[in-house]
Structures are given as structure tokens and as C-alpha cells.
Amino acid sequence: MKIICNKISTFLSVYYAYMLEYRAELVLWVLSGSLPIILMGVWSQAAQGGNFSLTSVDFARYFIAVFIVRQLSVVWVIWEFEREIVEGKLSPRLLQPVDPVWHHISSHISERIARTPFAIVLILLFFLLYPQAFWLPNFGNLLLFIIASVMAFALRFVIQYTFAMFAFWTERASALENLWFLFYLFLSGYIAPLEVFPEAIREIVLLTPFPYLINFPAAILVGVPVDLGRGFLSTIGWFLLFLGLNRIFWRLGLKRYSGMGA
């Protein structure tokens, strides 16, 4: 157990130091995820003249929650893995006594820690400019939000890492992520909360993994009623499905990779 803890702390400290070398880029990465704040203005304005179940303040709180979820769950592993395959950098990692995925997981967690101060500054600035949207979630909702956000990150990571496995067969595995991202934008609650969807459409969307990546944790944080049991069980179910596919593609991909002389 001590050896495992030492490995984890070493991985995290190394990648955290690496991330700190790119502090200026971290600011840009945080700002690049500020689209929900822009959409908040659009939906808040629409709520004043439209017939929605959410008020303009509700929309503001929802989209700042979306911004927070995005900061916690952003994933880029497919581009890293694709580059490792194309440039042959995966080979030396296969010689190490650790699955290469732990390099990517450590990189993502360390980046999350490094970007947090910048994200907090942006959130505080938002509430200074729009104080009527300020609220304090109760402890229960906050705890459930943290759990749901961690699970959303895990699901987003395993989905993208599964797509990354196609880099063993094509040099543009990231094209799959670009296609997936279009559905992710519209069905996850990133552009609009699911509460504004027609009920029939919403029920269909809830059968996909998309709502559990953003809408579910964001709704918990702002106190919008959600089916907690269905949300958590669906997240776990989709995670296990993609994890199983990931391990199958990994084994098949390694056979192809080694067959090419790597």
C-alpha cells in the first residue's frame, strides 16, 4: 500500500510541476471554457420574455454551475494518446510496470489542481458582476455535486480514452471525438438545461450518457429536481460499458501495434 501511495504522489507531483510551467496557457484554457457564462446571458434574457419553468436567476445559477462542472471534467486524452501512437512515444511507456493510462489520469488531475485558482477568480468575478445570482448550496447538495462531478469526469475520460484506442487503426482518432462533441454540446445540458427540452425529447436524451456529463451534476448544485438514483446508476452503467469496450480495444490495439514492429 505504501508503494502504491508513493507512486501516486510521485505521478501527481511530477505532472503538477509540469502543469505549472504553462500557467499562462492555463488561464487561456480556463477562459476557453467560459461559453456557459455567455450562454447564461442569452438564456437569462430569454427567460424574461419567454415561458420557461426557470427564471433568469435560475438560468444564471445553472450556467455558472455548468462552468464549474466543465472546469472539473474537461478531458483531452485522445489528442495525447493519438500523438503517442503516431510519434511512437507509446513504446517506452509499455516497458514501464504501470499501465500508460495512469500517466494521463495523473496529468488530468494535476491540471485540475493547477487551474482551480484561476477558475475561482473567474467565479468570484461573476458573482461580483451579478450578485443576485449568488447562493450557497446546502451541504447535502454540495456533497452529491462533488460525487456526481467526479463520476462525470470519470465517464468523460473513459469515453474519450475508448475513442483514443482507434488511434491504433487510424491516424485521426480525434475525428471521432469531434463528431461526439457535437452531440455532447446539444444533449449534455451545456448549451441549454434539459428542463427547456420537450418532455418526450428529454426522456430520450436521458437514455444516453450525455446528460450525466454536465446537466446532472449542475442541476444537483443549483437545486433543480433530478432523479438521483437514475442519475448515479446511469453514470455507473455507462462507465462500466465504456470501460469494458476500452479494455477490449486496448488488447486488440496492442496486438496490432506490436505487429507493426513497435
Protein backbone atom coordinates (compact mmCIF):
# COMPACT_ATOMS: atom_id res chain seq x y z
CA MET A 1 0.00 0.00 0.00
CA LYS A 2 2.85 2.35 0.84
CA ILE A 3 4.48 1.66 -2.53
CA ILE A 4 1.21 2.45 -4.34
CA CYS A 5 0.79 5.71 -2.40
CA ASN A 6 4.39 6.68 -3.23
CA LYS A 7 3.77 6.03 -6.92
CA ILE A 8 0.58 8.09 -6.89
CA SER A 9 2.23 11.03 -5.10
CA THR A 10 5.21 10.88 -7.48
CA PHE A 11 2.99 10.89 -10.56
CA LEU A 12 0.89 13.78 -9.27
CA SER A 13 3.84 15.90 -8.12
CA VAL A 14 5.69 15.42 -11.42
CA TYR A 15 2.68 16.31 -13.57
CA TYR A 16 1.68 19.17 -11.29
CA ALA A 17 5.15 20.69 -11.69
CA TYR A 18 4.82 20.18 -15.42
CA MET A 19 1.46 21.98 -15.49
CA LEU A 20 2.83 24.92 -13.52
CA GLU A 21 5.26 25.55 -16.37
CA TYR A 22 2.28 26.51 -18.50
CA ARG A 23 0.45 28.88 -16.16
CA ALA A 24 -0.27 31.38 -18.95
CA GLU A 25 -1.84 28.63 -21.04
CA LEU A 26 -3.88 27.50 -18.05
CA VAL A 27 -5.53 30.93 -17.94
CA LEU A 28 -6.43 30.58 -21.61
CA TRP A 29 -7.78 27.06 -21.02
CA VAL A 30 -9.98 28.34 -18.20
CA LEU A 31 -11.24 31.23 -20.36
CA SER A 32 -11.90 28.86 -23.26
CA GLY A 33 -14.45 27.12 -21.07
CA SER A 34 -16.37 30.32 -20.35
CA LEU A 35 -19.01 29.73 -23.06
CA PRO A 36 -21.62 28.81 -20.38
CA ILE A 37 -21.26 32.30 -18.91
CA ILE A 38 -22.02 33.80 -22.33
CA LEU A 39 -24.98 31.45 -22.78
CA MET A 40 -26.19 32.46 -19.32
CA GLY A 41 -26.75 36.00 -20.61
CA VAL A 42 -28.68 34.70 -23.62
CA TRP A 43 -30.99 32.42 -21.61
CA SER A 44 -31.48 34.92 -18.79
CA GLN A 45 -32.67 37.46 -21.33
CA ALA A 46 -34.91 34.86 -22.99
CA ALA A 47 -36.44 33.93 -19.62
CA GLN A 48 -37.71 37.49 -19.14
CA GLY A 49 -39.96 37.27 -22.18
CA GLY A 50 -40.40 33.51 -22.59
CA ASN A 51 -42.50 30.85 -20.91
CA PHE A 52 -39.90 28.79 -19.05
CA SER A 53 -40.02 26.95 -15.75
CA LEU A 54 -36.70 28.58 -14.85
CA THR A 55 -36.30 32.28 -14.02
CA SER A 56 -33.42 34.44 -15.24
CA VAL A 57 -31.68 33.94 -11.87
CA ASP A 58 -32.17 30.17 -12.18
CA PHE A 59 -30.55 30.24 -15.60
CA ALA A 60 -27.63 32.29 -14.25
CA ARG A 61 -27.04 29.82 -11.42
CA TYR A 62 -27.39 26.85 -13.74
CA PHE A 63 -24.81 28.11 -16.23
CA ILE A 64 -22.27 29.07 -13.57
CA ALA A 65 -22.73 25.50 -12.28
CA VAL A 66 -22.14 24.25 -15.85
CA PHE A 67 -18.95 26.31 -15.95
CA ILE A 68 -17.77 24.69 -12.71
CA VAL A 69 -18.59 21.18 -13.95
CA ARG A 70 -16.73 21.85 -17.19
CA GLN A 71 -13.66 23.03 -15.27
CA LEU A 72 -13.73 19.80 -13.28
CA SER A 73 -14.45 17.39 -16.11
CA VAL A 74 -12.62 18.67 -19.20
CA VAL A 75 -10.68 15.85 -20.92
CA TRP A 76 -8.09 15.86 -23.73
CA VAL A 77 -6.61 12.34 -23.50
CA ILE A 78 -7.50 11.42 -27.09
CA TRP A 79 -5.12 14.02 -28.55
CA GLU A 80 -2.28 12.96 -26.24
CA PHE A 81 -2.76 9.25 -26.96
CA GLU A 82 -3.09 9.84 -30.69
CA ARG A 83 0.21 11.72 -30.68
CA GLU A 84 1.90 8.94 -28.69
CA ILE A 85 0.83 6.38 -31.28
CA VAL A 86 1.73 8.46 -34.33
CA GLU A 87 5.12 9.52 -32.92
CA GLY A 88 5.94 6.13 -31.39
CA LYS A 89 6.10 7.52 -27.84
CA LEU A 90 3.86 4.76 -26.51
CA SER A 91 6.60 2.13 -26.88
CA PRO A 92 8.81 3.25 -23.94
CA ARG A 93 5.74 3.58 -21.72
CA LEU A 94 4.78 -0.02 -22.45
CA LEU A 95 8.11 -1.05 -20.93
CA GLN A 96 7.18 0.53 -17.60
CA PRO A 97 5.48 -1.59 -14.90
CA VAL A 98 2.42 0.68 -14.95
CA ASP A 99 -0.46 0.95 -17.38
CA PRO A 100 0.14 4.07 -19.57
CA VAL A 101 -3.34 5.32 -18.67
CA TRP A 102 -2.06 6.37 -15.23
CA HIS A 103 0.17 8.95 -16.89
CA HIS A 104 -2.90 10.51 -18.48
CA ILE A 105 -5.01 10.32 -15.33
CA SER A 106 -2.25 11.98 -13.29
CA SER A 107 -1.86 14.66 -15.94
CA HIS A 108 -5.58 15.45 -15.85
CA ILE A 109 -5.83 15.54 -12.05
CA SER A 110 -2.73 17.74 -11.74
CA GLU A 111 -4.07 20.13 -14.37
CA ARG A 112 -7.34 20.32 -12.43
CA ILE A 113 -5.45 21.36 -9.29
CA ALA A 114 -3.36 23.90 -11.18
CA ARG A 115 -6.34 25.54 -12.93
CA THR A 116 -8.54 25.77 -9.81
CA PRO A 117 -7.24 29.19 -8.58
CA PHE A 118 -7.91 30.79 -11.98
CA ALA A 119 -11.40 29.28 -12.13
CA ILE A 120 -12.20 30.54 -8.61
CA VAL A 121 -11.16 34.09 -9.59
CA LEU A 122 -13.50 33.96 -12.60
CA ILE A 123 -16.39 32.64 -10.46
CA LEU A 124 -15.88 35.39 -7.88
CA LEU A 125 -15.79 38.00 -10.66
CA PHE A 126 -19.07 36.61 -11.99
CA PHE A 127 -20.81 36.98 -8.62
CA LEU A 128 -19.41 40.49 -8.19
CA LEU A 129 -20.96 41.47 -11.51
CA TYR A 130 -24.19 39.55 -10.93
CA PRO A 131 -24.71 39.42 -7.12
CA GLN A 132 -28.41 38.49 -7.33
CA ALA A 133 -27.37 35.05 -8.63
CA PHE A 134 -25.27 34.29 -5.56
CA TRP A 135 -26.43 31.35 -3.48
CA LEU A 136 -24.98 28.82 -1.05
CA PRO A 137 -25.94 25.18 -1.75
CA ASN A 138 -26.75 23.09 1.31
CA PHE A 139 -24.16 20.57 2.47
CA GLY A 140 -26.07 17.58 1.09
CA ASN A 141 -26.33 19.03 -2.40
CA LEU A 142 -22.69 20.09 -2.32
CA LEU A 143 -21.56 16.60 -1.37
CA LEU A 144 -23.72 14.98 -4.05
CA PHE A 145 -22.44 17.52 -6.58
CA ILE A 146 -18.81 16.64 -5.82
CA ILE A 147 -19.56 12.92 -6.19
CA ALA A 148 -21.52 13.49 -9.42
CA SER A 149 -18.75 15.71 -10.84
CA VAL A 150 -16.04 13.14 -10.10
CA MET A 151 -18.20 10.48 -11.75
CA ALA A 152 -18.83 12.80 -14.72
CA PHE A 153 -15.09 13.26 -15.15
CA ALA A 154 -14.51 9.50 -14.92
CA LEU A 155 -17.22 8.84 -17.51
CA ARG A 156 -15.98 11.58 -19.85
CA PHE A 157 -12.42 10.28 -19.52
CA VAL A 158 -13.25 6.63 -20.20
CA ILE A 159 -15.43 7.57 -23.19
CA GLN A 160 -12.71 9.68 -24.78
CA TYR A 161 -9.99 7.16 -23.90
CA THR A 162 -12.06 4.46 -25.60
CA PHE A 163 -12.26 6.58 -28.74
CA ALA A 164 -8.49 7.09 -28.43
CA MET A 165 -7.98 3.35 -28.92
CA PHE A 166 -8.91 3.81 -32.57
CA ALA A 167 -5.53 5.54 -32.97
CA PHE A 168 -4.14 2.00 -33.33
CA TRP A 169 -6.03 1.76 -36.63
CA THR A 170 -6.20 5.37 -37.87
CA GLU A 171 -4.07 8.49 -37.53
CA ARG A 172 -7.15 10.68 -36.94
CA ALA A 173 -8.89 9.08 -33.98
CA SER A 174 -9.60 12.60 -32.73
CA ALA A 175 -12.12 12.95 -35.59
CA LEU A 176 -14.39 10.63 -33.58
CA GLU A 177 -14.18 12.98 -30.62
CA ASN A 178 -15.03 15.95 -32.85
CA LEU A 179 -18.17 14.16 -34.06
CA TRP A 180 -19.10 13.09 -30.50
CA PHE A 181 -18.59 16.65 -29.27
CA LEU A 182 -21.41 17.93 -31.48
CA PHE A 183 -23.89 15.65 -29.69
CA TYR A 184 -22.23 16.46 -26.36
CA LEU A 185 -22.82 20.19 -26.87
CA PHE A 186 -26.54 19.89 -27.51
CA LEU A 187 -27.55 16.90 -25.37
CA SER A 188 -25.45 17.26 -22.22
CA GLY A 189 -27.01 20.46 -20.94
CA TYR A 190 -24.02 22.52 -22.00
CA ILE A 191 -25.94 24.86 -24.29
CA ALA A 192 -29.37 24.57 -22.64
CA PRO A 193 -30.66 22.88 -19.47
CA LEU A 194 -32.71 19.77 -20.12
CA GLU A 195 -35.65 21.44 -18.37
CA VAL A 196 -36.30 23.52 -21.52
CA PHE A 197 -36.47 20.40 -23.73
CA PRO A 198 -39.88 18.93 -24.64
CA GLU A 199 -40.66 16.08 -22.25
CA ALA A 200 -40.57 13.36 -24.93
CA ILE A 201 -37.15 14.55 -26.18
CA ARG A 202 -35.84 14.83 -22.62
CA GLU A 203 -36.78 11.21 -21.86
CA ILE A 204 -34.89 10.03 -24.95
CA VAL A 205 -31.84 12.13 -24.08
CA LEU A 206 -31.79 10.66 -20.56
CA LEU A 207 -31.21 7.23 -22.12
CA THR A 208 -27.85 8.46 -23.46
CA PRO A 209 -24.68 9.20 -21.44
CA PHE A 210 -24.69 12.91 -22.32
CA PRO A 211 -26.90 14.40 -19.55
CA TYR A 212 -24.79 12.77 -16.83
CA LEU A 213 -21.68 14.60 -18.04
CA ILE A 214 -22.96 18.12 -17.28
CA ASN A 215 -26.69 18.55 -16.64
CA PHE A 216 -26.94 16.03 -13.80
CA PRO A 217 -24.17 17.44 -11.53
CA ALA A 218 -25.06 21.05 -12.42
CA ALA A 219 -28.74 20.50 -11.57
CA ILE A 220 -27.76 19.00 -8.21
CA LEU A 221 -25.64 22.03 -7.33
CA VAL A 222 -28.36 24.58 -8.09
CA GLY A 223 -31.14 22.51 -6.54
CA VAL A 224 -33.09 21.66 -9.70
CA PRO A 225 -35.10 18.45 -9.05
CA VAL A 226 -33.41 15.38 -10.57
CA ASP A 227 -33.77 11.63 -10.17
CA LEU A 228 -30.64 10.93 -8.11
CA GLY A 229 -30.95 7.16 -8.24
CA ARG A 230 -31.35 7.09 -12.01
CA GLY A 231 -28.56 9.63 -12.47
CA PHE A 232 -25.94 7.82 -10.43
CA LEU A 233 -26.87 4.34 -11.68
CA SER A 234 -26.86 5.52 -15.32
CA THR A 235 -23.44 7.12 -14.87
CA ILE A 236 -22.04 3.91 -13.38
CA GLY A 237 -23.67 1.79 -16.09
CA TRP A 238 -22.28 3.85 -18.96
CA PHE A 239 -18.87 3.95 -17.26
CA LEU A 240 -18.72 0.16 -16.97
CA LEU A 241 -19.87 -0.27 -20.58
CA PHE A 242 -17.18 2.02 -21.99
CA LEU A 243 -14.56 0.61 -19.62
CA GLY A 244 -15.27 -2.89 -20.95
CA LEU A 245 -15.04 -1.67 -24.56
CA ASN A 246 -11.85 0.19 -23.71
CA ARG A 247 -10.12 -2.92 -22.38
CA ILE A 248 -11.17 -4.95 -25.43
CA PHE A 249 -9.90 -2.30 -27.88
CA TRP A 250 -6.70 -1.90 -25.83
CA ARG A 251 -5.81 -5.59 -26.14
CA LEU A 252 -6.67 -5.70 -29.84
CA GLY A 253 -4.81 -2.45 -30.47
CA LEU A 254 -1.67 -3.64 -28.69
CA LYS A 255 -1.56 -6.73 -30.92
CA ARG A 256 -1.73 -4.51 -33.98
CA TYR A 257 0.82 -2.06 -32.52
CA SER A 258 3.35 -4.82 -31.76
CA GLY A 259 2.63 -6.43 -35.15
CA MET A 260 3.78 -3.19 -36.80
CA GLY A 261 7.20 -3.61 -35.16
CA ALA A 262 6.77 -1.35 -32.13
